[in-house]
Amino acid sequence: MEGGDKLGHILAYAALMAWFSWLYAGLGVRLVCAVGFLILGIGLEFAQALTDYRSFQLADMVADCVGVALGWAGAPPVLPNLLIFLERFLPNADANQR
């Protein structure tokens, strides 16, 4: 699929951002995570430029940024916290240890 790797970038960074947004509800922590993921994506592209078997692509950086934005948008308070929702259906680990 043409540009399929861009979809992979978007999905990976959206999943990362959503996961950490579900874990840490505070705006400040989310902002730090978002900036960190953006730095990670940009840094990895520059690191790839230093190799002779990978390539630097600005479009990959853009896809990473789109993924971070989608992950942020899919987190509370916009959407419910998926982790809290899933906890309702999982057995209570503390109760099983008693």
PDB file of N, CA and C in Angstrom:
ATOM      1  N   MET A   1       0.851  -1.177   0.000  1.00  0.00           N
ATOM      2  CA  MET A   1       0.000   0.000   0.000  1.00  0.00           C
ATOM      3  C   MET A   1       0.896   1.239   0.000  1.00  0.00           C
ATOM      4  N   GLU A   2       0.640   2.113  -0.939  1.00  0.00           N
ATOM      5  CA  GLU A   2       1.427   3.343  -1.052  1.00  0.00           C
ATOM      6  C   GLU A   2       1.239   4.196   0.198  1.00  0.00           C
ATOM      7  N   GLY A   3       2.325   4.575   0.833  1.00  0.00           N
ATOM      8  CA  GLY A   3       2.258   5.405   2.035  1.00  0.00           C
ATOM      9  C   GLY A   3       1.789   4.653   3.262  1.00  0.00           C
ATOM     10  N   GLY A   4       1.787   3.332   3.199  1.00  0.00           N
ATOM     11  CA  GLY A   4       1.334   2.524   4.325  1.00  0.00           C
ATOM     12  C   GLY A   4       2.165   2.725   5.580  1.00  0.00           C
ATOM     13  N   ASP A   5       3.430   3.052   5.393  1.00  0.00           N
ATOM     14  CA  ASP A   5       4.270   3.293   6.570  1.00  0.00           C
ATOM     15  C   ASP A   5       3.830   4.549   7.315  1.00  0.00           C
ATOM     16  N   LYS A   6       3.246   5.488   6.604  1.00  0.00           N
ATOM     17  CA  LYS A   6       2.751   6.715   7.272  1.00  0.00           C
ATOM     18  C   LYS A   6       1.577   6.360   8.191  1.00  0.00           C
ATOM     19  N   LEU A   7       0.713   5.454   7.729  1.00  0.00           N
ATOM     20  CA  LEU A   7      -0.389   4.989   8.558  1.00  0.00           C
ATOM     21  C   LEU A   7       0.157   4.296   9.802  1.00  0.00           C
ATOM     22  N   GLY A   8       1.227   3.540   9.628  1.00  0.00           N
ATOM     23  CA  GLY A   8       1.881   2.896  10.773  1.00  0.00           C
ATOM     24  C   GLY A   8       2.408   3.907  11.769  1.00  0.00           C
ATOM     25  N   HIS A   9       3.017   4.970  11.268  1.00  0.00           N
ATOM     26  CA  HIS A   9       3.509   6.037  12.148  1.00  0.00           C
ATOM     27  C   HIS A   9       2.349   6.662  12.917  1.00  0.00           C
ATOM     28  N   ILE A  10       1.276   6.976  12.203  1.00  0.00           N
ATOM     29  CA  ILE A  10       0.118   7.606  12.843  1.00  0.00           C
ATOM     30  C   ILE A  10      -0.445   6.699  13.934  1.00  0.00           C
ATOM     31  N   LEU A  11      -0.648   5.429  13.610  1.00  0.00           N
ATOM     32  CA  LEU A  11      -1.226   4.498  14.582  1.00  0.00           C
ATOM     33  C   LEU A  11      -0.319   4.296  15.794  1.00  0.00           C
ATOM     34  N   ALA A  12       0.979   4.186  15.562  1.00  0.00           N
ATOM     35  CA  ALA A  12       1.914   3.956  16.667  1.00  0.00           C
ATOM     36  C   ALA A  12       1.942   5.147  17.621  1.00  0.00           C
ATOM     37  N   TYR A  13       2.053   6.342  17.077  1.00  0.00           N
ATOM     38  CA  TYR A  13       2.141   7.517  17.937  1.00  0.00           C
ATOM     39  C   TYR A  13       0.784   7.859  18.558  1.00  0.00           C
ATOM     40  N   ALA A  14      -0.314   7.551  17.871  1.00  0.00           N
ATOM     41  CA  ALA A  14      -1.639   7.742  18.466  1.00  0.00           C
ATOM     42  C   ALA A  14      -1.824   6.784  19.642  1.00  0.00           C
ATOM     43  N   ALA A  15      -1.376   5.549  19.476  1.00  0.00           N
ATOM     44  CA  ALA A  15      -1.492   4.568  20.557  1.00  0.00           C
ATOM     45  C   ALA A  15      -0.645   4.983  21.759  1.00  0.00           C
ATOM     46  N   LEU A  16       0.580   5.429  21.515  1.00  0.00           N
ATOM     47  CA  LEU A  16       1.441   5.888  22.606  1.00  0.00           C
ATOM     48  C   LEU A  16       0.812   7.053  23.363  1.00  0.00           C
ATOM     49  N   MET A  17       0.358   8.049  22.612  1.00  0.00           N
ATOM     50  CA  MET A  17      -0.199   9.235  23.249  1.00  0.00           C
ATOM     51  C   MET A  17      -1.487   8.911  23.981  1.00  0.00           C
ATOM     52  N   ALA A  18      -2.349   8.101  23.379  1.00  0.00           N
ATOM     53  CA  ALA A  18      -3.602   7.734  24.042  1.00  0.00           C
ATOM     54  C   ALA A  18      -3.318   6.951  25.317  1.00  0.00           C
ATOM     55  N   TRP A  19      -2.386   6.002  25.244  1.00  0.00           N
ATOM     56  CA  TRP A  19      -2.063   5.183  26.421  1.00  0.00           C
ATOM     57  C   TRP A  19      -1.611   6.052  27.592  1.00  0.00           C
ATOM     58  N   PHE A  20      -0.672   6.930  27.340  1.00  0.00           N
ATOM     59  CA  PHE A  20      -0.171   7.768  28.424  1.00  0.00           C
ATOM     60  C   PHE A  20      -1.195   8.808  28.855  1.00  0.00           C
ATOM     61  N   SER A  21      -2.070   9.219  27.955  1.00  0.00           N
ATOM     62  CA  SER A  21      -3.141  10.140  28.331  1.00  0.00           C
ATOM     63  C   SER A  21      -4.159   9.455  29.225  1.00  0.00           C
ATOM     64  N   TRP A  22      -4.376   8.150  28.997  1.00  0.00           N
ATOM     65  CA  TRP A  22      -5.287   7.410  29.863  1.00  0.00           C
ATOM     66  C   TRP A  22      -4.660   7.168  31.229  1.00  0.00           C
ATOM     67  N   LEU A  23      -3.340   6.999  31.270  1.00  0.00           N
ATOM     68  CA  LEU A  23      -2.661   6.769  32.543  1.00  0.00           C
ATOM     69  C   LEU A  23      -2.515   8.043  33.366  1.00  0.00           C
ATOM     70  N   TYR A  24      -2.237   9.144  32.706  1.00  0.00           N
ATOM     71  CA  TYR A  24      -1.972  10.414  33.384  1.00  0.00           C
ATOM     72  C   TYR A  24      -2.960  11.462  32.892  1.00  0.00           C
ATOM     73  N   ALA A  25      -3.934  11.782  33.740  1.00  0.00           N
ATOM     74  CA  ALA A  25      -5.012  12.683  33.323  1.00  0.00           C
ATOM     75  C   ALA A  25      -4.605  14.155  33.366  1.00  0.00           C
ATOM     76  N   GLY A  26      -3.552  14.496  34.091  1.00  0.00           N
ATOM     77  CA  GLY A  26      -3.167  15.896  34.238  1.00  0.00           C
ATOM     78  C   GLY A  26      -2.695  16.511  32.930  1.00  0.00           C
ATOM     79  N   LEU A  27      -3.127  17.726  32.691  1.00  0.00           N
ATOM     80  CA  LEU A  27      -2.774  18.424  31.452  1.00  0.00           C
ATOM     81  C   LEU A  27      -1.266  18.601  31.314  1.00  0.00           C
ATOM     82  N   GLY A  28      -0.596  18.933  32.407  1.00  0.00           N
ATOM     83  CA  GLY A  28       0.851  19.145  32.357  1.00  0.00           C
ATOM     84  C   GLY A  28       1.607  17.888  31.969  1.00  0.00           C
ATOM     85  N   VAL A  29       1.208  16.766  32.543  1.00  0.00           N
ATOM     86  CA  VAL A  29       1.876  15.498  32.238  1.00  0.00           C
ATOM     87  C   VAL A  29       1.619  15.116  30.782  1.00  0.00           C
ATOM     88  N   ARG A  30       0.392  15.332  30.326  1.00  0.00           N
ATOM     89  CA  ARG A  30       0.081  15.030  28.926  1.00  0.00           C
ATOM     90  C   ARG A  30       0.896  15.885  27.975  1.00  0.00           C
ATOM     91  N   LEU A  31       1.062  17.133  28.316  1.00  0.00           N
ATOM     92  CA  LEU A  31       1.848  18.021  27.473  1.00  0.00           C
ATOM     93  C   LEU A  31       3.294  17.549  27.408  1.00  0.00           C
ATOM     94  N   VAL A  32       3.855  17.151  28.535  1.00  0.00           N
ATOM     95  CA  VAL A  32       5.223  16.637  28.565  1.00  0.00           C
ATOM     96  C   VAL A  32       5.327  15.373  27.709  1.00  0.00           C
ATOM     97  N   CYS A  33       4.341  14.484  27.822  1.00  0.00           N
ATOM     98  CA  CYS A  33       4.340  13.257  26.999  1.00  0.00           C
ATOM     99  C   CYS A  33       4.269  13.604  25.518  1.00  0.00           C
ATOM    100  N   ALA A  34       3.371  14.518  25.159  1.00  0.00           N
ATOM    101  CA  ALA A  34       3.215  14.892  23.749  1.00  0.00           C
ATOM    102  C   ALA A  34       4.515  15.462  23.189  1.00  0.00           C
ATOM    103  N   VAL A  35       5.130  16.359  23.923  1.00  0.00           N
ATOM    104  CA  VAL A  35       6.392  16.948  23.472  1.00  0.00           C
ATOM    105  C   VAL A  35       7.470  15.863  23.389  1.00  0.00           C
ATOM    106  N   GLY A  36       7.499  14.983  24.374  1.00  0.00           N
ATOM    107  CA  GLY A  36       8.473  13.895  24.355  1.00  0.00           C
ATOM    108  C   GLY A  36       8.309  12.987  23.152  1.00  0.00           C
ATOM    109  N   PHE A  37       7.057  12.645  22.808  1.00  0.00           N
ATOM    110  CA  PHE A  37       6.825  11.789  21.647  1.00  0.00           C
ATOM    111  C   PHE A  37       7.189  12.501  20.349  1.00  0.00           C
ATOM    112  N   LEU A  38       6.926  13.788  20.294  1.00  0.00           N
ATOM    113  CA  LEU A  38       7.310  14.547  19.095  1.00  0.00           C
ATOM    114  C   LEU A  38       8.826  14.594  18.950  1.00  0.00           C
ATOM    115  N   ILE A  39       9.523  14.817  20.050  1.00  0.00           N
ATOM    116  CA  ILE A  39      10.990  14.819  20.018  1.00  0.00           C
ATOM    117  C   ILE A  39      11.507  13.437  19.616  1.00  0.00           C
ATOM    118  N   LEU A  40      10.863  12.388  20.129  1.00  0.00           N
ATOM    119  CA  LEU A  40      11.254  11.021  19.765  1.00  0.00           C
ATOM    120  C   LEU A  40      11.112  10.793  18.262  1.00  0.00           C
ATOM    121  N   GLY A  41       9.971  11.151  17.701  1.00  0.00           N
ATOM    122  CA  GLY A  41       9.740  10.943  16.275  1.00  0.00           C
ATOM    123  C   GLY A  41      10.705  11.725  15.403  1.00  0.00           C
ATOM    124  N   ILE A  42      10.927  12.969  15.762  1.00  0.00           N
ATOM    125  CA  ILE A  42      11.851  13.814  14.995  1.00  0.00           C
ATOM    126  C   ILE A  42      13.281  13.295  15.145  1.00  0.00           C
ATOM    127  N   GLY A  43      13.651  12.954  16.371  1.00  0.00           N
ATOM    128  CA  GLY A  43      14.999  12.441  16.615  1.00  0.00           C
ATOM    129  C   GLY A  43      15.284  11.153  15.880  1.00  0.00           C
ATOM    130  N   LEU A  44      14.297  10.264  15.840  1.00  0.00           N
ATOM    131  CA  LEU A  44      14.492   9.001  15.122  1.00  0.00           C
ATOM    132  C   LEU A  44      14.692   9.231  13.629  1.00  0.00           C
ATOM    133  N   GLU A  45      13.989  10.200  13.073  1.00  0.00           N
ATOM    134  CA  GLU A  45      14.178  10.500  11.648  1.00  0.00           C
ATOM    135  C   GLU A  45      15.588  11.013  11.383  1.00  0.00           C
ATOM    136  N   PHE A  46      16.078  11.891  12.243  1.00  0.00           N
ATOM    137  CA  PHE A  46      17.442  12.393  12.068  1.00  0.00           C
ATOM    138  C   PHE A  46      18.463  11.272  12.276  1.00  0.00           C
ATOM    139  N   ALA A  47      18.188  10.354  13.216  1.00  0.00           N
ATOM    140  CA  ALA A  47      19.090   9.223  13.424  1.00  0.00           C
ATOM    141  C   ALA A  47      19.110   8.313  12.197  1.00  0.00           C
ATOM    142  N   GLN A  48      17.949   8.143  11.561  1.00  0.00           N
ATOM    143  CA  GLN A  48      17.893   7.322  10.354  1.00  0.00           C
ATOM    144  C   GLN A  48      18.708   7.936   9.222  1.00  0.00           C
ATOM    145  N   ALA A  49      18.765   9.257   9.188  1.00  0.00           N
ATOM    146  CA  ALA A  49      19.539   9.938   8.149  1.00  0.00           C
ATOM    147  C   ALA A  49      21.035   9.635   8.279  1.00  0.00           C
ATOM    148  N   LEU A  50      21.463   9.234   9.467  1.00  0.00           N
ATOM    149  CA  LEU A  50      22.877   8.934   9.695  1.00  0.00           C
ATOM    150  C   LEU A  50      23.252   7.525   9.255  1.00  0.00           C
ATOM    151  N   THR A  51      22.262   6.722   8.893  1.00  0.00           N
ATOM    152  CA  THR A  51      22.550   5.363   8.439  1.00  0.00           C
ATOM    153  C   THR A  51      22.479   5.304   6.918  1.00  0.00           C
ATOM    154  N   ASP A  52      23.063   4.246   6.365  1.00  0.00           N
ATOM    155  CA  ASP A  52      22.988   4.104   4.906  1.00  0.00           C
ATOM    156  C   ASP A  52      21.905   3.109   4.487  1.00  0.00           C
ATOM    157  N   TYR A  53      21.140   2.582   5.439  1.00  0.00           N
ATOM    158  CA  TYR A  53      20.084   1.641   5.096  1.00  0.00           C
ATOM    159  C   TYR A  53      18.685   2.152   5.462  1.00  0.00           C
ATOM    160  N   ARG A  54      18.589   3.326   6.054  1.00  0.00           N
ATOM    161  CA  ARG A  54      17.304   3.962   6.359  1.00  0.00           C
ATOM    162  C   ARG A  54      17.325   5.358   5.765  1.00  0.00           C
ATOM    163  N   SER A  55      16.144   5.956   5.622  1.00  0.00           N
ATOM    164  CA  SER A  55      16.093   7.278   5.003  1.00  0.00           C
ATOM    165  C   SER A  55      15.366   8.276   5.899  1.00  0.00           C
ATOM    166  N   PHE A  56      15.721   9.515   5.761  1.00  0.00           N
ATOM    167  CA  PHE A  56      15.090  10.635   6.451  1.00  0.00           C
ATOM    168  C   PHE A  56      13.881  11.050   5.636  1.00  0.00           C
ATOM    169  N   GLN A  57      12.712  11.141   6.286  1.00  0.00           N
ATOM    170  CA  GLN A  57      11.515  11.583   5.582  1.00  0.00           C
ATOM    171  C   GLN A  57      10.738  12.558   6.450  1.00  0.00           C
ATOM    172  N   LEU A  58      10.556  13.736   5.933  1.00  0.00           N
ATOM    173  CA  LEU A  58       9.776  14.752   6.626  1.00  0.00           C
ATOM    174  C   LEU A  58       8.334  14.288   6.808  1.00  0.00           C
ATOM    175  N   ALA A  59       7.814  13.546   5.846  1.00  0.00           N
ATOM    176  CA  ALA A  59       6.433  13.050   5.933  1.00  0.00           C
ATOM    177  C   ALA A  59       6.246  12.122   7.133  1.00  0.00           C
ATOM    178  N   ASP A  60       7.292  11.388   7.509  1.00  0.00           N
ATOM    179  CA  ASP A  60       7.201  10.536   8.701  1.00  0.00           C
ATOM    180  C   ASP A  60       7.051  11.386   9.956  1.00  0.00           C
ATOM    181  N   MET A  61       7.755  12.499  10.012  1.00  0.00           N
ATOM    182  CA  MET A  61       7.623  13.408  11.162  1.00  0.00           C
ATOM    183  C   MET A  61       6.217  13.974  11.246  1.00  0.00           C
ATOM    184  N   VAL A  62       5.676  14.336  10.096  1.00  0.00           N
ATOM    185  CA  VAL A  62       4.309  14.869  10.065  1.00  0.00           C
ATOM    186  C   VAL A  62       3.331  13.795  10.530  1.00  0.00           C
ATOM    187  N   ALA A  63       3.525  12.562  10.071  1.00  0.00           N
ATOM    188  CA  ALA A  63       2.654  11.461  10.480  1.00  0.00           C
ATOM    189  C   ALA A  63       2.738  11.225  11.987  1.00  0.00           C
ATOM    190  N   ASP A  64       3.938  11.344  12.551  1.00  0.00           N
ATOM    191  CA  ASP A  64       4.105  11.205  14.000  1.00  0.00           C
ATOM    192  C   ASP A  64       3.318  12.290  14.732  1.00  0.00           C
ATOM    193  N   CYS A  65       3.398  13.517  14.240  1.00  0.00           N
ATOM    194  CA  CYS A  65       2.674  14.637  14.860  1.00  0.00           C
ATOM    195  C   CYS A  65       1.168  14.430  14.771  1.00  0.00           C
ATOM    196  N   VAL A  66       0.695  13.951  13.631  1.00  0.00           N
ATOM    197  CA  VAL A  66      -0.736  13.664  13.467  1.00  0.00           C
ATOM    198  C   VAL A  66      -1.158  12.582  14.461  1.00  0.00           C
ATOM    199  N   GLY A  67      -0.337  11.559  14.614  1.00  0.00           N
ATOM    200  CA  GLY A  67      -0.638  10.495  15.568  1.00  0.00           C
ATOM    201  C   GLY A  67      -0.728  10.995  16.993  1.00  0.00           C
ATOM    202  N   VAL A  68       0.209  11.849  17.391  1.00  0.00           N
ATOM    203  CA  VAL A  68       0.178  12.417  18.738  1.00  0.00           C
ATOM    204  C   VAL A  68      -1.099  13.240  18.934  1.00  0.00           C
ATOM    205  N   ALA A  69      -1.449  14.027  17.935  1.00  0.00           N
ATOM    206  CA  ALA A  69      -2.669  14.842  18.032  1.00  0.00           C
ATOM    207  C   ALA A  69      -3.912  13.960  18.132  1.00  0.00           C
ATOM    208  N   LEU A  70      -3.978  12.889  17.361  1.00  0.00           N
ATOM    209  CA  LEU A  70      -5.128  11.983  17.428  1.00  0.00           C
ATOM    210  C   LEU A  70      -5.199  11.269  18.776  1.00  0.00           C
ATOM    211  N   GLY A  71      -4.049  10.870  19.294  1.00  0.00           N
ATOM    212  CA  GLY A  71      -4.010  10.228  20.611  1.00  0.00           C
ATOM    213  C   GLY A  71      -4.472  11.162  21.700  1.00  0.00           C
ATOM    214  N   TRP A  72      -4.070  12.413  21.613  1.00  0.00           N
ATOM    215  CA  TRP A  72      -4.499  13.426  22.580  1.00  0.00           C
ATOM    216  C   TRP A  72      -6.011  13.631  22.460  1.00  0.00           C
ATOM    217  N   ALA A  73      -6.501  13.727  21.234  1.00  0.00           N
ATOM    218  CA  ALA A  73      -7.922  13.985  20.998  1.00  0.00           C
ATOM    219  C   ALA A  73      -8.794  12.812  21.449  1.00  0.00           C
ATOM    220  N   GLY A  74      -8.248  11.617  21.447  1.00  0.00           N
ATOM    221  CA  GLY A  74      -9.016  10.453  21.839  1.00  0.00           C
ATOM    222  C   GLY A  74      -8.956  10.133  23.314  1.00  0.00           C
ATOM    223  N   ALA A  75      -8.397  11.032  24.086  1.00  0.00           N
ATOM    224  CA  ALA A  75      -8.244  10.807  25.523  1.00  0.00           C
ATOM    225  C   ALA A  75      -9.269  11.632  26.300  1.00  0.00           C
ATOM    226  N   PRO A  76      -9.473  11.290  27.566  1.00  0.00           N
ATOM    227  CA  PRO A  76     -10.397  12.081  28.379  1.00  0.00           C
ATOM    228  C   PRO A  76      -9.923  13.521  28.466  1.00  0.00           C
ATOM    229  N   PRO A  77     -10.751  14.490  28.563  1.00  0.00           N
ATOM    230  CA  PRO A  77     -12.196  14.406  28.754  1.00  0.00           C
ATOM    231  C   PRO A  77     -12.982  14.305  27.446  1.00  0.00           C
ATOM    232  N   VAL A  78     -12.310  14.297  26.298  1.00  0.00           N
ATOM    233  CA  VAL A  78     -13.022  14.200  25.018  1.00  0.00           C
ATOM    234  C   VAL A  78     -13.739  12.859  24.922  1.00  0.00           C
ATOM    235  N   LEU A  79     -13.032  11.778  25.148  1.00  0.00           N
ATOM    236  CA  LEU A  79     -13.611  10.435  25.172  1.00  0.00           C
ATOM    237  C   LEU A  79     -13.399   9.842  26.562  1.00  0.00           C
ATOM    238  N   PRO A  80     -14.186   8.846  26.941  1.00  0.00           N
ATOM    239  CA  PRO A  80     -14.004   8.234  28.263  1.00  0.00           C
ATOM    240  C   PRO A  80     -12.656   7.532  28.366  1.00  0.00           C
ATOM    241  N   ASN A  81     -12.205   7.363  29.592  1.00  0.00           N
ATOM    242  CA  ASN A  81     -10.944   6.683  29.842  1.00  0.00           C
ATOM    243  C   ASN A  81     -11.128   5.186  29.619  1.00  0.00           C
ATOM    244  N   LEU A  82     -10.505   4.666  28.577  1.00  0.00           N
ATOM    245  CA  LEU A  82     -10.649   3.269  28.207  1.00  0.00           C
ATOM    246  C   LEU A  82     -10.130   2.342  29.300  1.00  0.00           C
ATOM    247  N   LEU A  83      -9.081   2.716  29.991  1.00  0.00           N
ATOM    248  CA  LEU A  83      -8.515   1.854  31.021  1.00  0.00           C
ATOM    249  C   LEU A  83      -9.469   1.693  32.192  1.00  0.00           C
ATOM    250  N   ILE A  84     -10.124   2.755  32.599  1.00  0.00           N
ATOM    251  CA  ILE A  84     -11.105   2.662  33.684  1.00  0.00           C
ATOM    252  C   ILE A  84     -12.276   1.790  33.248  1.00  0.00           C
ATOM    253  N   PHE A  85     -12.689   1.935  32.002  1.00  0.00           N
ATOM    254  CA  PHE A  85     -13.768   1.112  31.459  1.00  0.00           C
ATOM    255  C   PHE A  85     -13.384  -0.370  31.499  1.00  0.00           C
ATOM    256  N   LEU A  86     -12.154  -0.698  31.096  1.00  0.00           N
ATOM    257  CA  LEU A  86     -11.709  -2.088  31.077  1.00  0.00           C
ATOM    258  C   LEU A  86     -11.559  -2.676  32.479  1.00  0.00           C
ATOM    259  N   GLU A  87     -11.206  -1.845  33.456  1.00  0.00           N
ATOM    260  CA  GLU A  87     -11.043  -2.322  34.830  1.00  0.00           C
ATOM    261  C   GLU A  87     -12.333  -2.898  35.385  1.00  0.00           C
ATOM    262  N   ARG A  88     -13.455  -2.431  34.914  1.00  0.00           N
ATOM    263  CA  ARG A  88     -14.737  -2.937  35.398  1.00  0.00           C
ATOM    264  C   ARG A  88     -14.925  -4.406  35.041  1.00  0.00           C
ATOM    265  N   PHE A  89     -14.292  -4.855  33.976  1.00  0.00           N
ATOM    266  CA  PHE A  89     -14.491  -6.219  33.502  1.00  0.00           C
ATOM    267  C   PHE A  89     -13.368  -7.169  33.902  1.00  0.00           C
ATOM    268  N   LEU A  90     -12.314  -6.646  34.504  1.00  0.00           N
ATOM    269  CA  LEU A  90     -11.195  -7.497  34.922  1.00  0.00           C
ATOM    270  C   LEU A  90     -11.365  -7.879  36.380  1.00  0.00           C
ATOM    271  N   PRO A  91     -10.944  -9.080  36.734  1.00  0.00           N
ATOM    272  CA  PRO A  91     -11.033  -9.471  38.141  1.00  0.00           C
ATOM    273  C   PRO A  91     -10.116  -8.597  38.988  1.00  0.00           C
ATOM    274  N   ASN A  92     -10.532  -8.349  40.200  1.00  0.00           N
ATOM    275  CA  ASN A  92      -9.763  -7.522  41.117  1.00  0.00           C
ATOM    276  C   ASN A  92      -8.552  -8.305  41.611  1.00  0.00           C
ATOM    277  N   ALA A  93      -7.360  -7.864  41.248  1.00  0.00           N
ATOM    278  CA  ALA A  93      -6.118  -8.574  41.614  1.00  0.00           C
ATOM    279  C   ALA A  93      -5.907  -8.567  43.118  1.00  0.00           C
ATOM    280  N   ASP A  94      -6.255  -7.486  43.806  1.00  0.00           N
ATOM    281  CA  ASP A  94      -6.073  -7.406  45.254  1.00  0.00           C
ATOM    282  C   ASP A  94      -6.955  -8.416  45.974  1.00  0.00           C
ATOM    283  N   ALA A  95      -8.181  -8.590  45.498  1.00  0.00           N
ATOM    284  CA  ALA A  95      -9.090  -9.535  46.130  1.00  0.00           C
ATOM    285  C   ALA A  95      -8.597 -10.968  45.944  1.00  0.00           C
ATOM    286  N   ASN A  96      -7.941 -11.248  44.831  1.00  0.00           N
ATOM    287  CA  ASN A  96      -7.440 -12.610  44.593  1.00  0.00           C
ATOM    288  C   ASN A  96      -6.217 -12.951  45.426  1.00  0.00           C
ATOM    289  N   GLN A  97      -5.512 -11.952  45.942  1.00  0.00           N
ATOM    290  CA  GLN A  97      -4.299 -12.201  46.713  1.00  0.00           C
ATOM    291  C   GLN A  97      -4.589 -12.437  48.186  1.00  0.00           C
ATOM    292  N   ARG A  98      -5.790 -12.185  48.641  1.00  0.00           N
ATOM    293  CA  ARG A  98      -6.115 -12.346  50.060  1.00  0.00           C
ATOM    294  C   ARG A  98      -6.401 -13.764  50.429  1.00  0.00           C
TER     295      ARG A  98
END
